[in-house]
């Protein structure tokens, strides 16, 4: 998400390199580039005008510190304004209500409401230890009801059955009754959508809202919908007391303009972003972190949170103890690391959250991180015997042929994996001997990020 806008804004920053100070002329020229970048990213025209005007006023009135270059000063202003447009701060769900706290999802058909309901339920079950029930009032699409039932079973949530023959308001009444009897903490209501906003649709969702009395009413919008999403946001915001926005399919959207437009148009914060098809691919939205990612500064905090949430702590601790005892880093350990990486969305997903030096092309980096290669490496290790994984030096020419055949790959793939393991083993040995600081000093930028200690 935001790849196109990110690249253009970083080009803007570089265009100011070498300028002694910010003047009306170079600010005007730079803002023209910013305006084009925002329009190409599908940001609504009124939002573009407001954004660039605020940046212009601040840029011309800014006192640029002696240690800052014009590019740095300008990017600092853009970062601040992006945070402002995106909503200032993360706004968690307000679920402190008499159980069951109702969360209602509204939006157009195809926006991803049903999938979001499942993802949200999983997040509440696993991260907040809530007892969650899911119910669909989409009587126009029986398939949506079946989909939600499957998702409920997958994410560990309860499900309230419904059918196309029932009235949506009657389903809500029954769901509330079942949620109370089951002592559920949260009831997530998935409403019906249409291909476009119409009077019948709005009347139905308003009636459901009045009956459900939700503590949170979230507008679910497809990140790739462009200006249609902005128009739909206006219509829903007029009819319903929205409390927030959920952006879906952000992993497939390189523009990201919808996020900027919807927040500015509705005045409601983005609460979550859907980043993939899996049920755990729902991230809390942090405007300051997203602004940093747009400008190529990375999002280390979100990366650390994701690692803490998805890395299996017992395996990590076991490996740490093993290395401290000098027992070595074997191929089974490497397989664990590769599987953890796949679980986090692969290398490309991690690169999105890492700060990339200005001279490095992030797209070129991602192009070199073929996710299929990770799967091949795991297949090679799975084709080995437990003894071979434990003692890689046993693997001779004939064993390599057998392993390659078992994985359906070439001997060269086995050789590449063994070479990678040798390199990682050396690195792990250095870390075990307390050499992490030395290793980090040798990396670009040298040393640890502020606030981090090995």
Protein backbone atom coordinates (compact mmCIF):
# COMPACT_ATOMS: atom_id res chain seq x y z
CA UNK A 1 0.00 0.00 0.00
CA UNK A 2 1.16 3.56 -0.80
CA UNK A 3 4.07 2.25 -2.91
CA UNK A 4 3.46 4.74 -5.73
CA UNK A 5 2.95 7.70 -3.41
CA UNK A 6 5.94 6.68 -1.32
CA UNK A 7 8.24 6.56 -4.34
CA UNK A 8 7.07 9.94 -5.65
CA UNK A 9 7.40 11.70 -2.28
CA UNK A 10 10.90 10.31 -1.79
CA UNK A 11 11.80 11.68 -5.24
CA UNK A 12 10.45 15.05 -4.07
CA UNK A 13 12.75 14.99 -1.06
CA UNK A 14 15.76 14.14 -3.22
CA UNK A 15 14.93 16.99 -5.61
CA UNK A 16 15.54 19.45 -2.76
CA UNK A 17 18.96 18.02 -1.99
CA UNK A 18 21.66 20.66 -2.37
CA UNK A 19 19.29 23.61 -1.98
CA UNK A 20 20.54 26.06 0.65
CA UNK A 21 17.11 26.92 2.00
CA UNK A 22 13.39 26.64 1.34
CA UNK A 23 12.21 29.52 -0.86
CA UNK A 24 8.86 30.37 -2.41
CA UNK A 25 10.13 29.22 -5.83
CA UNK A 26 11.47 25.79 -4.85
CA UNK A 27 8.50 25.20 -2.51
CA UNK A 28 6.09 26.01 -5.36
CA UNK A 29 7.88 23.63 -7.72
CA UNK A 30 8.05 20.89 -5.09
CA UNK A 31 4.38 21.25 -4.16
CA UNK A 32 3.48 20.80 -7.83
CA UNK A 33 5.21 17.42 -7.66
CA UNK A 34 3.46 16.57 -4.37
CA UNK A 35 0.08 17.51 -5.90
CA UNK A 36 0.69 15.22 -8.89
CA UNK A 37 1.83 12.39 -6.60
CA UNK A 38 -1.37 12.66 -4.52
CA UNK A 39 -3.64 12.82 -7.57
CA UNK A 40 -1.92 9.79 -9.11
CA UNK A 41 -2.52 7.98 -5.81
CA UNK A 42 -6.29 8.56 -6.22
CA UNK A 43 -6.53 11.11 -3.41
CA UNK A 44 -9.72 13.19 -3.76
CA UNK A 45 -9.12 16.63 -5.30
CA UNK A 46 -10.50 18.65 -2.33
CA UNK A 47 -8.20 16.70 -0.02
CA UNK A 48 -5.21 17.37 -2.28
CA UNK A 49 -5.93 21.11 -2.29
CA UNK A 50 -6.28 21.31 1.49
CA UNK A 51 -3.19 19.17 2.09
CA UNK A 52 -0.87 21.08 -0.26
CA UNK A 53 -2.05 24.45 1.04
CA UNK A 54 -1.28 23.49 4.64
CA UNK A 55 2.15 22.17 3.60
CA UNK A 56 2.88 25.39 1.65
CA UNK A 57 2.01 27.60 4.61
CA UNK A 58 4.19 25.60 6.97
CA UNK A 59 7.10 25.27 4.53
CA UNK A 60 7.31 29.00 3.85
CA UNK A 61 6.85 29.86 7.51
CA UNK A 62 9.23 27.21 8.82
CA UNK A 63 12.50 28.14 10.46
CA UNK A 64 14.84 25.52 9.06
CA UNK A 65 17.43 24.45 11.61
CA UNK A 66 21.07 24.76 10.65
CA UNK A 67 21.55 21.00 10.84
CA UNK A 68 18.64 20.27 8.49
CA UNK A 69 18.73 20.28 4.74
CA UNK A 70 15.67 21.68 2.90
CA UNK A 71 14.75 18.13 1.87
CA UNK A 72 14.72 16.94 5.48
CA UNK A 73 12.75 19.97 6.63
CA UNK A 74 10.18 19.54 3.86
CA UNK A 75 9.76 15.82 4.50
CA UNK A 76 9.31 16.53 8.22
CA UNK A 77 6.45 18.91 7.35
CA UNK A 78 4.90 16.37 4.92
CA UNK A 79 5.17 13.64 7.58
CA UNK A 80 3.41 15.83 10.12
CA UNK A 81 0.61 16.71 7.69
CA UNK A 82 0.19 13.07 6.61
CA UNK A 83 -0.25 12.08 10.25
CA UNK A 84 -2.82 14.84 10.62
CA UNK A 85 -4.79 13.71 7.55
CA UNK A 86 -4.60 10.03 8.52
CA UNK A 87 -6.07 10.71 11.95
CA UNK A 88 -3.32 11.78 14.37
CA UNK A 89 -3.28 8.64 16.52
CA UNK A 90 -4.41 5.02 16.73
CA UNK A 91 -7.94 4.71 18.12
CA UNK A 92 -8.61 1.29 19.70
CA UNK A 93 -12.10 -0.21 19.73
CA UNK A 94 -14.28 1.00 22.60
CA UNK A 95 -15.77 -2.21 24.00
CA UNK A 96 -16.37 -1.11 27.58
CA UNK A 97 -20.11 -1.61 27.51
CA UNK A 98 -22.62 -3.94 29.09
CA UNK A 99 -22.05 -7.31 27.33
CA UNK A 100 -22.52 -8.05 24.58
CA UNK A 101 -20.76 -5.04 23.05
CA UNK A 102 -22.03 -4.91 19.46
CA UNK A 103 -19.69 -4.10 16.55
CA UNK A 104 -21.55 -3.45 13.29
CA UNK A 105 -19.80 -3.64 9.90
CA UNK A 106 -21.28 -1.67 7.00
CA UNK A 107 -20.17 -1.06 3.42
CA UNK A 108 -20.69 -1.92 -0.23
CA UNK A 109 -20.80 -5.47 -1.59
CA UNK A 110 -17.31 -6.80 -2.34
CA UNK A 111 -15.59 -4.48 0.14
CA UNK A 112 -14.63 -7.44 2.32
CA UNK A 113 -17.06 -7.09 5.26
CA UNK A 114 -17.50 -10.83 5.87
CA UNK A 115 -13.77 -11.55 5.75
CA UNK A 116 -13.14 -8.55 8.01
CA UNK A 117 -15.72 -9.87 10.50
CA UNK A 118 -13.73 -13.11 10.76
CA UNK A 119 -10.39 -11.31 11.06
CA UNK A 120 -11.74 -8.96 13.72
CA UNK A 121 -13.18 -11.89 15.68
CA UNK A 122 -9.81 -13.65 15.63
CA UNK A 123 -8.06 -10.51 16.83
CA UNK A 124 -10.52 -10.07 19.72
CA UNK A 125 -10.34 -13.77 20.68
CA UNK A 126 -6.54 -14.07 20.60
CA UNK A 127 -5.26 -10.61 21.54
CA UNK A 128 -7.98 -9.46 23.94
CA UNK A 129 -9.26 -12.81 25.21
CA UNK A 130 -12.86 -11.92 24.36
CA UNK A 131 -15.69 -14.38 23.85
CA UNK A 132 -17.02 -13.42 20.41
CA UNK A 133 -20.15 -14.32 18.46
CA UNK A 134 -20.57 -13.66 14.74
CA UNK A 135 -23.88 -13.15 12.94
CA UNK A 136 -24.76 -12.27 9.34
CA UNK A 137 -27.89 -10.28 8.49
CA UNK A 138 -27.12 -10.45 4.76
CA UNK A 139 -30.33 -12.22 3.77
CA UNK A 140 -29.70 -11.32 0.11
CA UNK A 141 -26.59 -13.53 -0.11
CA UNK A 142 -26.93 -16.95 1.57
CA UNK A 143 -23.33 -17.65 0.56
CA UNK A 144 -22.21 -14.83 2.86
CA UNK A 145 -23.90 -16.57 5.81
CA UNK A 146 -22.14 -19.87 5.01
CA UNK A 147 -18.81 -18.04 4.58
CA UNK A 148 -19.16 -16.38 7.98
CA UNK A 149 -20.03 -19.71 9.61
CA UNK A 150 -16.81 -21.25 8.24
CA UNK A 151 -14.77 -18.25 9.36
CA UNK A 152 -16.24 -18.43 12.87
CA UNK A 153 -15.14 -22.06 13.18
CA UNK A 154 -11.68 -21.18 11.84
CA UNK A 155 -11.00 -18.29 14.24
CA UNK A 156 -12.51 -19.80 17.40
CA UNK A 157 -15.63 -17.62 17.58
CA UNK A 158 -19.25 -18.58 18.10
CA UNK A 159 -21.80 -18.32 15.30
CA UNK A 160 -25.47 -17.38 15.32
CA UNK A 161 -27.28 -19.10 12.46
CA UNK A 162 -29.52 -17.09 10.14
CA UNK A 163 -31.39 -17.68 6.88
CA UNK A 164 -32.56 -15.78 3.82
CA UNK A 165 -36.19 -16.17 4.91
CA UNK A 166 -35.73 -14.01 8.03
CA UNK A 167 -35.94 -10.24 8.43
CA UNK A 168 -32.56 -8.64 9.33
CA UNK A 169 -33.98 -6.94 12.44
CA UNK A 170 -35.38 -10.26 13.70
CA UNK A 171 -31.96 -11.87 13.23
CA UNK A 172 -30.41 -9.09 15.30
CA UNK A 173 -32.95 -9.60 18.12
CA UNK A 174 -32.24 -13.33 18.23
CA UNK A 175 -28.48 -12.82 18.03
CA UNK A 176 -28.54 -10.39 20.96
CA UNK A 177 -30.57 -12.89 22.98
CA UNK A 178 -28.18 -15.76 22.16
CA UNK A 179 -25.15 -13.58 22.95
CA UNK A 180 -26.57 -12.72 26.39
CA UNK A 181 -27.38 -16.34 27.18
CA UNK A 182 -23.89 -17.42 26.03
CA UNK A 183 -22.27 -14.63 28.13
CA UNK A 184 -20.47 -13.36 25.04
CA UNK A 185 -18.33 -10.25 25.37
CA UNK A 186 -18.72 -9.08 21.77
CA UNK A 187 -21.27 -9.61 19.00
CA UNK A 188 -20.02 -8.77 15.50
CA UNK A 189 -22.82 -8.05 13.01
CA UNK A 190 -22.04 -8.46 9.29
CA UNK A 191 -24.58 -6.44 7.28
CA UNK A 192 -25.67 -6.68 3.64
CA UNK A 193 -24.06 -4.64 0.89
CA UNK A 194 -24.94 -3.63 -2.65
CA UNK A 195 -22.90 -2.82 -5.72
CA UNK A 196 -23.84 0.82 -5.19
CA UNK A 197 -25.57 2.99 -2.59
CA UNK A 198 -29.38 2.88 -2.89
CA UNK A 199 -32.33 3.88 -0.70
CA UNK A 200 -33.37 0.28 0.05
CA UNK A 201 -29.88 -0.64 1.22
CA UNK A 202 -29.51 2.42 3.44
CA UNK A 203 -32.96 1.93 4.99
CA UNK A 204 -32.11 -1.68 5.82
CA UNK A 205 -28.73 -0.94 7.44
CA UNK A 206 -30.22 1.99 9.40
CA UNK A 207 -32.97 -0.30 10.76
CA UNK A 208 -30.39 -2.94 11.76
CA UNK A 209 -28.29 -0.27 13.45
CA UNK A 210 -31.26 1.05 15.45
CA UNK A 211 -32.13 -2.45 16.65
CA UNK A 212 -28.52 -3.53 17.42
CA UNK A 213 -27.44 -0.29 19.15
CA UNK A 214 -23.74 -0.96 18.42
CA UNK A 215 -20.91 0.61 20.40
CA UNK A 216 -18.81 0.59 17.21
CA UNK A 217 -20.09 1.14 13.66
CA UNK A 218 -17.26 0.52 11.21
CA UNK A 219 -17.35 1.43 7.53
CA UNK A 220 -15.51 -1.28 5.56
CA UNK A 221 -14.02 0.01 2.30
CA UNK A 222 -11.98 -1.55 -0.50
CA UNK A 223 -8.64 0.29 -0.76
CA UNK A 224 -8.69 -0.15 -4.54
CA UNK A 225 -12.18 1.36 -5.06
CA UNK A 226 -10.87 4.87 -5.79
CA UNK A 227 -13.39 7.72 -5.87
CA UNK A 228 -16.33 5.30 -5.57
CA UNK A 229 -15.11 4.58 -2.04
CA UNK A 230 -15.11 8.28 -1.19
CA UNK A 231 -18.69 8.72 -2.47
CA UNK A 232 -19.85 5.66 -0.55
CA UNK A 233 -18.13 6.93 2.60
CA UNK A 234 -20.06 10.22 2.34
CA UNK A 235 -23.38 8.37 1.94
CA UNK A 236 -22.81 6.03 4.88
CA UNK A 237 -21.50 8.82 7.09
CA UNK A 238 -24.70 10.78 6.41
CA UNK A 239 -26.99 7.84 7.28
CA UNK A 240 -25.07 6.14 10.11
CA UNK A 241 -23.14 7.41 13.14
CA UNK A 242 -19.87 5.86 11.95
CA UNK A 243 -17.13 5.46 14.55
CA UNK A 244 -14.31 4.34 12.29
CA UNK A 245 -13.09 2.90 9.00
CA UNK A 246 -11.56 -0.46 8.05
CA UNK A 247 -9.45 -0.47 4.86
CA UNK A 248 -9.39 -3.85 3.11
CA UNK A 249 -7.17 -5.32 0.37
CA UNK A 250 -4.37 -2.89 1.23
CA UNK A 251 -1.81 -5.48 0.11
CA UNK A 252 -3.10 -5.21 -3.46
CA UNK A 253 -3.29 -1.40 -3.55
CA UNK A 254 -0.14 0.44 -4.60
CA UNK A 255 -1.81 3.86 -4.51
CA UNK A 256 -3.35 4.28 -1.04
CA UNK A 257 -5.26 7.46 -1.85
CA UNK A 258 -8.51 6.07 -0.45
CA UNK A 259 -7.07 6.08 3.07
CA UNK A 260 -6.23 9.76 2.88
CA UNK A 261 -9.54 10.69 1.24
CA UNK A 262 -11.96 8.70 3.41
CA UNK A 263 -10.49 9.97 6.68
CA UNK A 264 -10.60 13.59 5.49
CA UNK A 265 -14.14 13.27 4.08
CA UNK A 266 -15.75 11.46 7.03
CA UNK A 267 -13.60 12.79 9.85
CA UNK A 268 -13.57 9.23 11.22
CA UNK A 269 -10.32 7.39 12.06
CA UNK A 270 -9.05 4.32 10.25
CA UNK A 271 -9.11 1.61 12.91
CA UNK A 272 -7.75 -1.39 10.99
CA UNK A 273 -6.11 -2.30 7.69
CA UNK A 274 -6.57 -5.66 5.96
CA UNK A 275 -3.22 -6.79 4.56
CA UNK A 276 -3.95 -10.22 3.09
CA UNK A 277 -6.39 -13.10 2.74
CA UNK A 278 -5.43 -15.00 5.90
CA UNK A 279 -7.53 -14.58 9.03
CA UNK A 280 -4.62 -12.98 10.92
CA UNK A 281 -3.97 -10.34 8.22
CA UNK A 282 -5.59 -7.42 10.05
CA UNK A 283 -3.35 -4.66 11.44
CA UNK A 284 -4.23 -1.86 13.84
CA UNK A 285 -3.81 1.43 11.99
CA UNK A 286 -1.26 3.88 13.40
CA UNK A 287 -1.21 7.17 11.42
CA UNK A 288 2.31 8.15 12.53
CA UNK A 289 3.72 4.75 11.58
CA UNK A 290 1.90 4.71 8.24
CA UNK A 291 3.19 8.20 7.44
CA UNK A 292 6.72 6.96 8.14
CA UNK A 293 6.19 4.00 5.82
CA UNK A 294 4.89 6.27 3.05
CA UNK A 295 8.05 8.38 3.29
CA UNK A 296 10.38 5.36 3.31
CA UNK A 297 11.27 5.70 7.01
CA UNK A 298 10.02 2.21 7.86
CA UNK A 299 7.77 1.06 10.67
CA UNK A 300 10.01 -0.74 13.12
CA UNK A 301 7.46 -0.62 15.98
CA UNK A 302 4.83 -2.51 13.97
CA UNK A 303 7.46 -5.00 12.84
CA UNK A 304 8.50 -5.65 16.46
CA UNK A 305 4.83 -6.05 17.50
CA UNK A 306 4.25 -8.49 14.66
CA UNK A 307 7.32 -10.51 15.63
CA UNK A 308 6.15 -10.64 19.25
CA UNK A 309 2.69 -11.76 18.17
CA UNK A 310 3.62 -14.34 15.55
CA UNK A 311 7.00 -15.76 16.52
CA UNK A 312 6.66 -18.85 18.69
CA UNK A 313 8.30 -17.75 21.92
CA UNK A 314 9.08 -21.26 23.18
CA UNK A 315 11.02 -22.10 19.99
CA UNK A 316 12.91 -18.80 20.14
CA UNK A 317 13.88 -19.37 23.78
CA UNK A 318 14.89 -22.97 23.06
CA UNK A 319 17.15 -21.82 20.21
CA UNK A 320 18.70 -19.08 22.38
CA UNK A 321 19.54 -21.58 25.13
CA UNK A 322 20.92 -24.02 22.59
CA UNK A 323 23.24 -21.39 21.09
CA UNK A 324 24.44 -20.27 24.52
CA UNK A 325 25.45 -23.85 25.26
CA UNK A 326 27.45 -23.92 22.03
CA UNK A 327 25.33 -26.69 20.51
CA UNK A 328 25.21 -25.03 17.08
CA UNK A 329 22.55 -23.96 14.62
CA UNK A 330 21.35 -26.97 12.63
CA UNK A 331 19.06 -27.33 9.62
CA UNK A 332 15.99 -28.03 11.77
CA UNK A 333 16.60 -24.62 13.39
CA UNK A 334 16.90 -23.04 9.95
CA UNK A 335 13.58 -24.60 8.92
CA UNK A 336 11.93 -23.11 12.01
CA UNK A 337 13.27 -19.66 11.07
CA UNK A 338 12.04 -19.98 7.47
CA UNK A 339 8.57 -21.08 8.62
CA UNK A 340 8.36 -18.16 11.05
CA UNK A 341 9.27 -15.82 8.19
CA UNK A 342 6.54 -17.31 5.99
CA UNK A 343 4.08 -16.90 8.86
CA UNK A 344 4.85 -13.17 8.92
CA UNK A 345 4.03 -12.76 5.23
CA UNK A 346 7.48 -13.43 3.83
CA UNK A 347 10.50 -11.19 3.32
CA UNK A 348 8.66 -8.64 1.13
CA UNK A 349 6.09 -7.99 3.88
CA UNK A 350 8.90 -7.42 6.39
CA UNK A 351 10.75 -5.08 3.99
CA UNK A 352 7.63 -2.88 3.85
CA UNK A 353 8.14 -2.08 7.53
CA UNK A 354 11.91 -1.63 7.45
CA UNK A 355 13.64 1.71 6.82
CA UNK A 356 15.32 1.59 3.40
CA UNK A 357 18.36 3.83 2.71
CA UNK A 358 17.66 6.56 0.14
CA UNK A 359 19.96 5.11 -2.53
CA UNK A 360 18.41 1.64 -2.33
CA UNK A 361 15.44 0.84 -4.55
CA UNK A 362 12.88 -1.00 -2.35
CA UNK A 363 11.23 -2.55 -5.42
CA UNK A 364 14.57 -4.05 -6.47
CA UNK A 365 14.99 -5.50 -2.97
CA UNK A 366 11.53 -7.08 -3.08
CA UNK A 367 12.18 -8.45 -6.56
CA UNK A 368 15.08 -10.40 -5.09
CA UNK A 369 12.94 -11.94 -2.35
CA UNK A 370 11.07 -14.67 -4.18
CA UNK A 371 8.63 -16.20 -1.67
CA UNK A 372 8.70 -19.46 -3.63
CA UNK A 373 12.37 -19.76 -2.74
CA UNK A 374 11.46 -19.99 0.96
CA UNK A 375 9.04 -22.82 0.20
CA UNK A 376 11.70 -24.64 -1.84
CA UNK A 377 14.20 -24.35 1.01
CA UNK A 378 11.69 -25.76 3.49
CA UNK A 379 10.94 -28.62 1.05
CA UNK A 380 14.68 -29.44 0.79
CA UNK A 381 15.04 -29.62 4.59
CA UNK A 382 11.88 -31.75 4.90
CA UNK A 383 13.39 -34.18 2.39
CA UNK A 384 16.35 -34.86 4.72
CA UNK A 385 16.53 -37.42 7.49
CA UNK A 386 16.51 -36.15 11.11
CA UNK A 387 20.19 -37.09 11.38
CA UNK A 388 21.09 -35.10 8.26
CA UNK A 389 19.30 -32.05 9.66
CA UNK A 390 21.21 -32.41 12.90
CA UNK A 391 24.60 -33.05 11.23
CA UNK A 392 24.68 -31.28 7.81
CA UNK A 393 28.32 -32.29 7.24
CA UNK A 394 27.09 -35.86 6.64
CA UNK A 395 25.46 -34.73 3.41
CA UNK A 396 27.72 -35.94 0.56
CA UNK A 397 27.12 -36.08 -3.19
CA UNK A 398 24.85 -39.13 -3.23
CA UNK A 399 22.79 -37.82 -0.31
CA UNK A 400 22.36 -34.48 -2.10
CA UNK A 401 20.93 -36.29 -5.14
CA UNK A 402 18.46 -38.22 -2.96
CA UNK A 403 17.40 -35.06 -1.07
CA UNK A 404 16.96 -33.11 -4.33
CA UNK A 405 14.86 -35.91 -5.84
CA UNK A 406 12.72 -36.10 -2.69
CA UNK A 407 12.04 -32.35 -2.84
CA UNK A 408 11.48 -32.36 -6.60
CA UNK A 409 14.34 -29.90 -7.09
CA UNK A 410 17.90 -29.80 -8.43
CA UNK A 411 21.14 -30.57 -6.58
CA UNK A 412 22.05 -26.87 -7.00
CA UNK A 413 19.07 -25.98 -4.78
CA UNK A 414 20.43 -28.26 -2.06
CA UNK A 415 23.89 -26.69 -2.38
CA UNK A 416 22.42 -23.19 -2.11
CA UNK A 417 20.55 -24.13 1.06
CA UNK A 418 23.64 -25.69 2.66
CA UNK A 419 25.67 -22.57 1.85
CA UNK A 420 22.98 -20.35 3.39
CA UNK A 421 22.94 -22.53 6.50
CA UNK A 422 26.72 -22.25 6.87
CA UNK A 423 26.49 -18.44 6.68
CA UNK A 424 23.68 -18.29 9.23
CA UNK A 425 25.50 -20.70 11.53
CA UNK A 426 28.52 -18.37 11.58
CA UNK A 427 26.29 -15.39 12.32
CA UNK A 428 24.56 -17.24 15.16
CA UNK A 429 27.91 -18.18 16.69
CA UNK A 430 28.95 -14.50 16.70
CA UNK A 431 25.68 -13.53 18.36
CA UNK A 432 26.09 -16.26 20.98
CA UNK A 433 29.55 -14.88 21.81
CA UNK A 434 28.13 -11.40 22.34
CA UNK A 435 29.22 -10.16 18.95
CA UNK A 436 25.87 -8.62 17.99
CA UNK A 437 27.08 -5.07 18.68
CA UNK A 438 30.11 -5.59 16.43
CA UNK A 439 27.90 -6.99 13.69
CA UNK A 440 25.52 -4.04 13.87
CA UNK A 441 28.38 -1.53 13.75
CA UNK A 442 29.36 -2.98 10.40
CA UNK A 443 25.88 -2.45 8.96
CA UNK A 444 24.82 0.71 7.07
CA UNK A 445 24.18 3.46 9.61
CA UNK A 446 26.17 1.58 12.26
CA UNK A 447 24.88 0.74 15.70
CA UNK A 448 21.42 -0.01 17.04
CA UNK A 449 18.30 2.07 16.46
CA UNK A 450 17.51 4.46 19.35
CA UNK A 451 16.03 2.68 22.34
CA UNK A 452 17.13 -0.82 21.25
CA UNK A 453 19.59 -2.97 23.13
CA UNK A 454 20.85 -6.44 22.25
